[in-house]
PDB file of N, CA and C in Angstrom:
ATOM      1  N   MET A   1       0.847  -1.172   0.000  1.00  0.00           N
ATOM      2  CA  MET A   1       0.000   0.000   0.000  1.00  0.00           C
ATOM      3  C   MET A   1       0.896   1.240   0.000  1.00  0.00           C
ATOM      4  N   SER A   2       0.626   2.164  -0.886  1.00  0.00           N
ATOM      5  CA  SER A   2       1.452   3.374  -0.969  1.00  0.00           C
ATOM      6  C   SER A   2       0.784   4.515  -0.214  1.00  0.00           C
ATOM      7  N   LYS A   3       1.630   5.308   0.393  1.00  0.00           N
ATOM      8  CA  LYS A   3       1.140   6.488   1.106  1.00  0.00           C
ATOM      9  C   LYS A   3       1.059   7.645   0.133  1.00  0.00           C
ATOM     10  N   VAL A   4      -0.047   8.328   0.130  1.00  0.00           N
ATOM     11  CA  VAL A   4      -0.202   9.513  -0.700  1.00  0.00           C
ATOM     12  C   VAL A   4      -0.012  10.722   0.201  1.00  0.00           C
ATOM     13  N   LYS A   5       0.970  11.535  -0.137  1.00  0.00           N
ATOM     14  CA  LYS A   5       1.245  12.730   0.673  1.00  0.00           C
ATOM     15  C   LYS A   5       0.209  13.802   0.351  1.00  0.00           C
ATOM     16  N   GLU A   6      -0.337  14.368   1.399  1.00  0.00           N
ATOM     17  CA  GLU A   6      -1.327  15.432   1.240  1.00  0.00           C
ATOM     18  C   GLU A   6      -0.656  16.674   0.660  1.00  0.00           C
ATOM     19  N   ILE A   7      -1.251  17.221  -0.372  1.00  0.00           N
ATOM     20  CA  ILE A   7      -0.745  18.461  -0.969  1.00  0.00           C
ATOM     21  C   ILE A   7      -1.452  19.616  -0.272  1.00  0.00           C
ATOM     22  N   ARG A   8      -0.649  20.407   0.409  1.00  0.00           N
ATOM     23  CA  ARG A   8      -1.217  21.542   1.139  1.00  0.00           C
ATOM     24  C   ARG A   8      -0.937  22.817   0.365  1.00  0.00           C
ATOM     25  N   LYS A   9      -1.844  23.741   0.463  1.00  0.00           N
ATOM     26  CA  LYS A   9      -1.709  25.038  -0.200  1.00  0.00           C
ATOM     27  C   LYS A   9      -1.717  26.139   0.850  1.00  0.00           C
ATOM     28  N   ALA A  10      -1.041  27.221   0.514  1.00  0.00           N
ATOM     29  CA  ALA A  10      -1.021  28.391   1.389  1.00  0.00           C
ATOM     30  C   ALA A  10      -2.354  29.132   1.300  1.00  0.00           C
ATOM     31  N   HIS A  11      -2.664  29.866   2.334  1.00  0.00           N
ATOM     32  CA  HIS A  11      -3.884  30.684   2.390  1.00  0.00           C
ATOM     33  C   HIS A  11      -3.499  32.137   2.648  1.00  0.00           C
ATOM     34  N   HIS A  12      -2.790  32.745   1.692  1.00  0.00           N
ATOM     35  CA  HIS A  12      -2.329  34.123   1.855  1.00  0.00           C
ATOM     36  C   HIS A  12      -3.175  35.063   1.004  1.00  0.00           C
ATOM     37  N   PRO A  13      -3.475  36.238   1.527  1.00  0.00           N
ATOM     38  CA  PRO A  13      -4.157  37.235   0.697  1.00  0.00           C
ATOM     39  C   PRO A  13      -3.287  37.575  -0.519  1.00  0.00           C
ATOM     40  N   TYR A  14      -3.941  37.909  -1.603  1.00  0.00           N
ATOM     41  CA  TYR A  14      -3.244  38.232  -2.850  1.00  0.00           C
ATOM     42  C   TYR A  14      -2.194  39.318  -2.628  1.00  0.00           C
ATOM     43  N   GLU A  15      -2.542  40.347  -1.874  1.00  0.00           N
ATOM     44  CA  GLU A  15      -1.629  41.469  -1.648  1.00  0.00           C
ATOM     45  C   GLU A  15      -0.364  41.016  -0.914  1.00  0.00           C
ATOM     46  N   THR A  16      -0.526  40.130   0.054  1.00  0.00           N
ATOM     47  CA  THR A  16       0.628  39.616   0.800  1.00  0.00           C
ATOM     48  C   THR A  16       1.531  38.813  -0.115  1.00  0.00           C
ATOM     49  N   LYS A  17       0.923  37.962  -0.917  1.00  0.00           N
ATOM     50  CA  LYS A  17       1.689  37.139  -1.859  1.00  0.00           C
ATOM     51  C   LYS A  17       2.457  38.028  -2.834  1.00  0.00           C
ATOM     52  N   GLN A  18       1.795  39.026  -3.385  1.00  0.00           N
ATOM     53  CA  GLN A  18       2.452  39.924  -4.341  1.00  0.00           C
ATOM     54  C   GLN A  18       3.591  40.699  -3.683  1.00  0.00           C
ATOM     55  N   ALA A  19       3.391  41.134  -2.450  1.00  0.00           N
ATOM     56  CA  ALA A  19       4.441  41.872  -1.742  1.00  0.00           C
ATOM     57  C   ALA A  19       5.663  40.986  -1.523  1.00  0.00           C
ATOM     58  N   MET A  20       5.434  39.718  -1.156  1.00  0.00           N
ATOM     59  CA  MET A  20       6.560  38.807  -0.941  1.00  0.00           C
ATOM     60  C   MET A  20       7.289  38.511  -2.247  1.00  0.00           C
ATOM     61  N   VAL A  21       6.543  38.305  -3.324  1.00  0.00           N
ATOM     62  CA  VAL A  21       7.168  38.043  -4.631  1.00  0.00           C
ATOM     63  C   VAL A  21       7.987  39.252  -5.067  1.00  0.00           C
ATOM     64  N   SER A  22       7.447  40.441  -4.871  1.00  0.00           N
ATOM     65  CA  SER A  22       8.166  41.665  -5.239  1.00  0.00           C
ATOM     66  C   SER A  22       9.461  41.799  -4.444  1.00  0.00           C
ATOM     67  N   ARG A  23       9.379  41.548  -3.145  1.00  0.00           N
ATOM     68  CA  ARG A  23      10.578  41.635  -2.302  1.00  0.00           C
ATOM     69  C   ARG A  23      11.608  40.584  -2.703  1.00  0.00           C
ATOM     70  N   MET A  24      11.149  39.384  -3.028  1.00  0.00           N
ATOM     71  CA  MET A  24      12.075  38.328  -3.449  1.00  0.00           C
ATOM     72  C   MET A  24      12.742  38.684  -4.775  1.00  0.00           C
ATOM     73  N   ASN A  25      12.008  39.327  -5.669  1.00  0.00           N
ATOM     74  CA  ASN A  25      12.609  39.769  -6.932  1.00  0.00           C
ATOM     75  C   ASN A  25      13.705  40.803  -6.685  1.00  0.00           C
ATOM     76  N   ARG A  26      13.460  41.710  -5.733  1.00  0.00           N
ATOM     77  CA  ARG A  26      14.496  42.693  -5.384  1.00  0.00           C
ATOM     78  C   ARG A  26      15.715  42.006  -4.774  1.00  0.00           C
ATOM     79  N   ILE A  27      15.476  41.026  -3.920  1.00  0.00           N
ATOM     80  CA  ILE A  27      16.580  40.280  -3.312  1.00  0.00           C
ATOM     81  C   ILE A  27      17.375  39.551  -4.385  1.00  0.00           C
ATOM     82  N   GLU A  28      16.677  38.969  -5.328  1.00  0.00           N
ATOM     83  CA  GLU A  28      17.351  38.291  -6.441  1.00  0.00           C
ATOM     84  C   GLU A  28      18.269  39.264  -7.184  1.00  0.00           C
ATOM     85  N   GLY A  29      17.793  40.475  -7.400  1.00  0.00           N
ATOM     86  CA  GLY A  29      18.616  41.500  -8.044  1.00  0.00           C
ATOM     87  C   GLY A  29      19.828  41.860  -7.194  1.00  0.00           C
ATOM     88  N   GLN A  30      19.632  41.936  -5.872  1.00  0.00           N
ATOM     89  CA  GLN A  30      20.757  42.227  -4.979  1.00  0.00           C
ATOM     90  C   GLN A  30      21.806  41.114  -5.054  1.00  0.00           C
ATOM     91  N   ILE A  31      21.366  39.876  -5.112  1.00  0.00           N
ATOM     92  CA  ILE A  31      22.291  38.738  -5.204  1.00  0.00           C
ATOM     93  C   ILE A  31      23.084  38.812  -6.504  1.00  0.00           C
ATOM     94  N   ARG A  32      22.393  39.121  -7.599  1.00  0.00           N
ATOM     95  CA  ARG A  32      23.112  39.281  -8.880  1.00  0.00           C
ATOM     96  C   ARG A  32      24.132  40.408  -8.778  1.00  0.00           C
ATOM     97  N   GLY A  33      23.772  41.478  -8.074  1.00  0.00           N
ATOM     98  CA  GLY A  33      24.696  42.589  -7.877  1.00  0.00           C
ATOM     99  C   GLY A  33      25.923  42.170  -7.087  1.00  0.00           C
ATOM    100  N   ILE A  34      25.726  41.354  -6.066  1.00  0.00           N
ATOM    101  CA  ILE A  34      26.862  40.860  -5.280  1.00  0.00           C
ATOM    102  C   ILE A  34      27.769  39.995  -6.148  1.00  0.00           C
ATOM    103  N   THR A  35      27.174  39.151  -6.959  1.00  0.00           N
ATOM    104  CA  THR A  35      27.968  38.311  -7.865  1.00  0.00           C
ATOM    105  C   THR A  35      28.814  39.177  -8.784  1.00  0.00           C
ATOM    106  N   ARG A  36      28.208  40.231  -9.306  1.00  0.00           N
ATOM    107  CA  ARG A  36      28.926  41.167 -10.177  1.00  0.00           C
ATOM    108  C   ARG A  36      30.068  41.846  -9.417  1.00  0.00           C
ATOM    109  N   MET A  37      29.782  42.241  -8.179  1.00  0.00           N
ATOM    110  CA  MET A  37      30.809  42.896  -7.362  1.00  0.00           C
ATOM    111  C   MET A  37      32.006  41.969  -7.142  1.00  0.00           C
ATOM    112  N   ILE A  38      31.731  40.713  -6.851  1.00  0.00           N
ATOM    113  CA  ILE A  38      32.813  39.745  -6.658  1.00  0.00           C
ATOM    114  C   ILE A  38      33.610  39.593  -7.944  1.00  0.00           C
ATOM    115  N   ASP A  39      32.896  39.470  -9.057  1.00  0.00           N
ATOM    116  CA  ASP A  39      33.552  39.311 -10.359  1.00  0.00           C
ATOM    117  C   ASP A  39      34.413  40.523 -10.709  1.00  0.00           C
ATOM    118  N   GLU A  40      33.987  41.702 -10.272  1.00  0.00           N
ATOM    119  CA  GLU A  40      34.709  42.940 -10.593  1.00  0.00           C
ATOM    120  C   GLU A  40      35.716  43.329  -9.505  1.00  0.00           C
ATOM    121  N   ASP A  41      35.983  42.426  -8.572  1.00  0.00           N
ATOM    122  CA  ASP A  41      36.972  42.642  -7.510  1.00  0.00           C
ATOM    123  C   ASP A  41      36.689  43.884  -6.660  1.00  0.00           C
ATOM    124  N   VAL A  42      35.417  44.119  -6.384  1.00  0.00           N
ATOM    125  CA  VAL A  42      35.042  45.230  -5.505  1.00  0.00           C
ATOM    126  C   VAL A  42      35.574  44.927  -4.102  1.00  0.00           C
ATOM    127  N   TYR A  43      35.910  45.963  -3.369  1.00  0.00           N
ATOM    128  CA  TYR A  43      36.473  45.842  -2.025  1.00  0.00           C
ATOM    129  C   TYR A  43      35.573  44.964  -1.146  1.00  0.00           C
ATOM    130  N   CYS A  44      36.191  44.022  -0.438  1.00  0.00           N
ATOM    131  CA  CYS A  44      35.470  43.011   0.347  1.00  0.00           C
ATOM    132  C   CYS A  44      34.469  43.607   1.333  1.00  0.00           C
ATOM    133  N   ASP A  45      34.853  44.671   2.024  1.00  0.00           N
ATOM    134  CA  ASP A  45      33.972  45.280   3.012  1.00  0.00           C
ATOM    135  C   ASP A  45      32.679  45.767   2.365  1.00  0.00           C
ATOM    136  N   ASP A  46      32.782  46.309   1.165  1.00  0.00           N
ATOM    137  CA  ASP A  46      31.589  46.768   0.445  1.00  0.00           C
ATOM    138  C   ASP A  46      30.674  45.590   0.106  1.00  0.00           C
ATOM    139  N   ILE A  47      31.273  44.475  -0.287  1.00  0.00           N
ATOM    140  CA  ILE A  47      30.487  43.280  -0.613  1.00  0.00           C
ATOM    141  C   ILE A  47      29.820  42.736   0.649  1.00  0.00           C
ATOM    142  N   LEU A  48      30.553  42.706   1.748  1.00  0.00           N
ATOM    143  CA  LEU A  48      29.984  42.213   3.003  1.00  0.00           C
ATOM    144  C   LEU A  48      28.786  43.047   3.444  1.00  0.00           C
ATOM    145  N   HIS A  49      28.841  44.356   3.219  1.00  0.00           N
ATOM    146  CA  HIS A  49      27.692  45.207   3.548  1.00  0.00           C
ATOM    147  C   HIS A  49      26.483  44.843   2.684  1.00  0.00           C
ATOM    148  N   GLN A  50      26.728  44.499   1.439  1.00  0.00           N
ATOM    149  CA  GLN A  50      25.630  44.077   0.569  1.00  0.00           C
ATOM    150  C   GLN A  50      25.031  42.757   1.054  1.00  0.00           C
ATOM    151  N   PHE A  51      25.893  41.847   1.522  1.00  0.00           N
ATOM    152  CA  PHE A  51      25.392  40.594   2.088  1.00  0.00           C
ATOM    153  C   PHE A  51      24.499  40.869   3.294  1.00  0.00           C
ATOM    154  N   MET A  52      24.906  41.795   4.152  1.00  0.00           N
ATOM    155  CA  MET A  52      24.097  42.137   5.326  1.00  0.00           C
ATOM    156  C   MET A  52      22.744  42.702   4.905  1.00  0.00           C
ATOM    157  N   SER A  53      22.743  43.478   3.845  1.00  0.00           N
ATOM    158  CA  SER A  53      21.501  44.038   3.328  1.00  0.00           C
ATOM    159  C   SER A  53      20.572  42.927   2.833  1.00  0.00           C
ATOM    160  N   VAL A  54      21.139  41.955   2.132  1.00  0.00           N
ATOM    161  CA  VAL A  54      20.346  40.825   1.635  1.00  0.00           C
ATOM    162  C   VAL A  54      19.798  40.007   2.804  1.00  0.00           C
ATOM    163  N   GLU A  55      20.644  39.746   3.793  1.00  0.00           N
ATOM    164  CA  GLU A  55      20.192  38.981   4.958  1.00  0.00           C
ATOM    165  C   GLU A  55      19.043  39.694   5.664  1.00  0.00           C
ATOM    166  N   SER A  56      19.118  40.995   5.776  1.00  0.00           N
ATOM    167  CA  SER A  56      18.055  41.774   6.402  1.00  0.00           C
ATOM    168  C   SER A  56      16.768  41.694   5.578  1.00  0.00           C
ATOM    169  N   ALA A  57      16.912  41.783   4.267  1.00  0.00           N
ATOM    170  CA  ALA A  57      15.744  41.704   3.385  1.00  0.00           C
ATOM    171  C   ALA A  57      15.090  40.327   3.470  1.00  0.00           C
ATOM    172  N   ILE A  58      15.900  39.278   3.514  1.00  0.00           N
ATOM    173  CA  ILE A  58      15.358  37.923   3.637  1.00  0.00           C
ATOM    174  C   ILE A  58      14.644  37.765   4.974  1.00  0.00           C
ATOM    175  N   ALA A  59      15.221  38.302   6.034  1.00  0.00           N
ATOM    176  CA  ALA A  59      14.583  38.237   7.351  1.00  0.00           C
ATOM    177  C   ALA A  59      13.210  38.909   7.315  1.00  0.00           C
ATOM    178  N   GLY A  60      13.102  40.005   6.580  1.00  0.00           N
ATOM    179  CA  GLY A  60      11.817  40.692   6.452  1.00  0.00           C
ATOM    180  C   GLY A  60      10.778  39.846   5.741  1.00  0.00           C
ATOM    181  N   VAL A  61      11.184  39.164   4.679  1.00  0.00           N
ATOM    182  CA  VAL A  61      10.258  38.291   3.950  1.00  0.00           C
ATOM    183  C   VAL A  61       9.861  37.109   4.836  1.00  0.00           C
ATOM    184  N   LYS A  62      10.823  36.551   5.558  1.00  0.00           N
ATOM    185  CA  LYS A  62      10.516  35.436   6.461  1.00  0.00           C
ATOM    186  C   LYS A  62       9.500  35.861   7.513  1.00  0.00           C
ATOM    187  N   LYS A  63       9.653  37.058   8.054  1.00  0.00           N
ATOM    188  CA  LYS A  63       8.714  37.565   9.064  1.00  0.00           C
ATOM    189  C   LYS A  63       7.314  37.707   8.465  1.00  0.00           C
ATOM    190  N   THR A  64       7.247  38.267   7.263  1.00  0.00           N
ATOM    191  CA  THR A  64       5.960  38.423   6.586  1.00  0.00           C
ATOM    192  C   THR A  64       5.314  37.071   6.327  1.00  0.00           C
ATOM    193  N   LEU A  65       6.116  36.109   5.855  1.00  0.00           N
ATOM    194  CA  LEU A  65       5.594  34.777   5.559  1.00  0.00           C
ATOM    195  C   LEU A  65       5.132  34.069   6.829  1.00  0.00           C
ATOM    196  N   LEU A  66       5.904  34.179   7.896  1.00  0.00           N
ATOM    197  CA  LEU A  66       5.519  33.543   9.156  1.00  0.00           C
ATOM    198  C   LEU A  66       4.203  34.123   9.668  1.00  0.00           C
ATOM    199  N   GLU A  67       4.076  35.436   9.603  1.00  0.00           N
ATOM    200  CA  GLU A  67       2.833  36.077  10.049  1.00  0.00           C
ATOM    201  C   GLU A  67       1.650  35.619   9.199  1.00  0.00           C
ATOM    202  N   ALA A  68       1.836  35.595   7.880  1.00  0.00           N
ATOM    203  CA  ALA A  68       0.759  35.154   6.985  1.00  0.00           C
ATOM    204  C   ALA A  68       0.426  33.686   7.233  1.00  0.00           C
ATOM    205  N   HIS A  69       1.443  32.878   7.495  1.00  0.00           N
ATOM    206  CA  HIS A  69       1.240  31.455   7.767  1.00  0.00           C
ATOM    207  C   HIS A  69       0.403  31.267   9.029  1.00  0.00           C
ATOM    208  N   MET A  70       0.728  32.029  10.055  1.00  0.00           N
ATOM    209  CA  MET A  70      -0.004  31.904  11.317  1.00  0.00           C
ATOM    210  C   MET A  70      -1.451  32.390  11.179  1.00  0.00           C
ATOM    211  N   LYS A  71      -1.633  33.504  10.477  1.00  0.00           N
ATOM    212  CA  LYS A  71      -2.974  34.086  10.346  1.00  0.00           C
ATOM    213  C   LYS A  71      -3.839  33.355   9.325  1.00  0.00           C
ATOM    214  N   GLY A  72      -3.198  32.668   8.377  1.00  0.00           N
ATOM    215  CA  GLY A  72      -3.958  32.000   7.324  1.00  0.00           C
ATOM    216  C   GLY A  72      -3.917  30.492   7.446  1.00  0.00           C
ATOM    217  N   CYS A  73      -2.783  29.926   7.113  1.00  0.00           N
ATOM    218  CA  CYS A  73      -2.640  28.465   7.043  1.00  0.00           C
ATOM    219  C   CYS A  73      -2.944  27.784   8.375  1.00  0.00           C
ATOM    220  N   ILE A  74      -2.327  28.264   9.434  1.00  0.00           N
ATOM    221  CA  ILE A  74      -2.503  27.630  10.741  1.00  0.00           C
ATOM    222  C   ILE A  74      -3.948  27.769  11.216  1.00  0.00           C
ATOM    223  N   VAL A  75      -4.522  28.939  11.063  1.00  0.00           N
ATOM    224  CA  VAL A  75      -5.921  29.146  11.469  1.00  0.00           C
ATOM    225  C   VAL A  75      -6.835  28.195  10.706  1.00  0.00           C
ATOM    226  N   HIS A  76      -6.642  28.072   9.382  1.00  0.00           N
ATOM    227  CA  HIS A  76      -7.474  27.164   8.587  1.00  0.00           C
ATOM    228  C   HIS A  76      -7.325  25.716   9.058  1.00  0.00           C
ATOM    229  N   GLN A  77      -6.101  25.304   9.336  1.00  0.00           N
ATOM    230  CA  GLN A  77      -5.889  23.922   9.772  1.00  0.00           C
ATOM    231  C   GLN A  77      -6.543  23.656  11.126  1.00  0.00           C
ATOM    232  N   ILE A  78      -6.425  24.602  12.043  1.00  0.00           N
ATOM    233  CA  ILE A  78      -7.050  24.430  13.357  1.00  0.00           C
ATOM    234  C   ILE A  78      -8.569  24.384  13.209  1.00  0.00           C
ATOM    235  N   GLN A  79      -9.122  25.250  12.357  1.00  0.00           N
ATOM    236  CA  GLN A  79     -10.568  25.243  12.127  1.00  0.00           C
ATOM    237  C   GLN A  79     -11.030  23.919  11.524  1.00  0.00           C
ATOM    238  N   ASP A  80     -10.141  23.272  10.768  1.00  0.00           N
ATOM    239  CA  ASP A  80     -10.455  21.963  10.180  1.00  0.00           C
ATOM    240  C   ASP A  80     -10.164  20.816  11.148  1.00  0.00           C
ATOM    241  N   GLY A  81      -9.800  21.153  12.389  1.00  0.00           N
ATOM    242  CA  GLY A  81      -9.562  20.134  13.396  1.00  0.00           C
ATOM    243  C   GLY A  81      -8.161  19.538  13.398  1.00  0.00           C
ATOM    244  N   ARG A  82      -7.254  20.127  12.638  1.00  0.00           N
ATOM    245  CA  ARG A  82      -5.881  19.595  12.571  1.00  0.00           C
ATOM    246  C   ARG A  82      -4.991  20.378  13.545  1.00  0.00           C
ATOM    247  N   ILE A  83      -5.152  20.068  14.803  1.00  0.00           N
ATOM    248  CA  ILE A  83      -4.423  20.768  15.864  1.00  0.00           C
ATOM    249  C   ILE A  83      -2.922  20.500  15.792  1.00  0.00           C
ATOM    250  N   GLU A  84      -2.510  19.428  15.119  1.00  0.00           N
ATOM    251  CA  GLU A  84      -1.082  19.120  14.971  1.00  0.00           C
ATOM    252  C   GLU A  84      -0.340  20.217  14.212  1.00  0.00           C
ATOM    253  N   ALA A  85      -1.079  21.100  13.558  1.00  0.00           N
ATOM    254  CA  ALA A  85      -0.461  22.231  12.858  1.00  0.00           C
ATOM    255  C   ALA A  85       0.310  23.119  13.838  1.00  0.00           C
ATOM    256  N   VAL A  86      -0.155  23.186  15.076  1.00  0.00           N
ATOM    257  CA  VAL A  86       0.530  24.000  16.088  1.00  0.00           C
ATOM    258  C   VAL A  86       1.908  23.410  16.385  1.00  0.00           C
ATOM    259  N   ASP A  87       1.981  22.086  16.540  1.00  0.00           N
ATOM    260  CA  ASP A  87       3.275  21.436  16.791  1.00  0.00           C
ATOM    261  C   ASP A  87       4.217  21.624  15.611  1.00  0.00           C
ATOM    262  N   GLU A  88       3.675  21.527  14.410  1.00  0.00           N
ATOM    263  CA  GLU A  88       4.489  21.743  13.206  1.00  0.00           C
ATOM    264  C   GLU A  88       5.052  23.169  13.200  1.00  0.00           C
ATOM    265  N   LEU A  89       4.199  24.137  13.526  1.00  0.00           N
ATOM    266  CA  LEU A  89       4.623  25.535  13.576  1.00  0.00           C
ATOM    267  C   LEU A  89       5.701  25.746  14.636  1.00  0.00           C
ATOM    268  N   LEU A  90       5.513  25.170  15.799  1.00  0.00           N
ATOM    269  CA  LEU A  90       6.508  25.301  16.867  1.00  0.00           C
ATOM    270  C   LEU A  90       7.846  24.701  16.444  1.00  0.00           C
ATOM    271  N   GLY A  91       7.809  23.583  15.732  1.00  0.00           N
ATOM    272  CA  GLY A  91       9.039  22.978  15.221  1.00  0.00           C
ATOM    273  C   GLY A  91       9.736  23.888  14.230  1.00  0.00           C
ATOM    274  N   THR A  92       8.964  24.493  13.351  1.00  0.00           N
ATOM    275  CA  THR A  92       9.532  25.409  12.356  1.00  0.00           C
ATOM    276  C   THR A  92      10.144  26.634  13.034  1.00  0.00           C
ATOM    277  N   ILE A  93       9.431  27.210  13.977  1.00  0.00           N
ATOM    278  CA  ILE A  93       9.958  28.383  14.695  1.00  0.00           C
ATOM    279  C   ILE A  93      11.237  28.012  15.437  1.00  0.00           C
ATOM    280  N   GLY A  94      11.257  26.835  16.047  1.00  0.00           N
ATOM    281  CA  GLY A  94      12.462  26.378  16.736  1.00  0.00           C
ATOM    282  C   GLY A  94      13.658  26.306  15.802  1.00  0.00           C
ATOM    283  N   LYS A  95      13.443  25.801  14.601  1.00  0.00           N
ATOM    284  CA  LYS A  95      14.526  25.730  13.609  1.00  0.00           C
ATOM    285  C   LYS A  95      14.954  27.126  13.161  1.00  0.00           C
ATOM    286  N   MET A  96      13.995  28.024  13.019  1.00  0.00           N
ATOM    287  CA  MET A  96      14.315  29.388  12.589  1.00  0.00           C
ATOM    288  C   MET A  96      15.164  30.118  13.625  1.00  0.00           C
ATOM    289  N   LEU A  97      14.983  29.790  14.884  1.00  0.00           N
ATOM    290  CA  LEU A  97      15.683  30.493  15.957  1.00  0.00           C
ATOM    291  C   LEU A  97      17.090  29.966  16.216  1.00  0.00           C
ATOM    292  N   LYS A  98      17.458  28.890  15.561  1.00  0.00           N
ATOM    293  CA  LYS A  98      18.813  28.329  15.757  1.00  0.00           C
ATOM    294  C   LYS A  98      19.856  29.174  15.088  1.00  0.00           C
TER     295      LYS A  98
END
């Protein structure tokens, strides 16, 4: 007997999804810029500052996604009687804090 994995979907408002995609596109551009800087032998300290900027931007997207996940996905799962979603969320937060 084969196990069929449940396909879960996010429950994010359109505006939240678009904001995250837009921010990720900007981050992608920043990463390409860092690659260019490395290729062009830009001073290391300047590149490291760009890395810090990218890390900060990623942290912002993660915060937005976590908030949307809690307000949307987790709420829907609890309403559907899947209380184990709370344990899953706690596990994810624990990993994020390491």
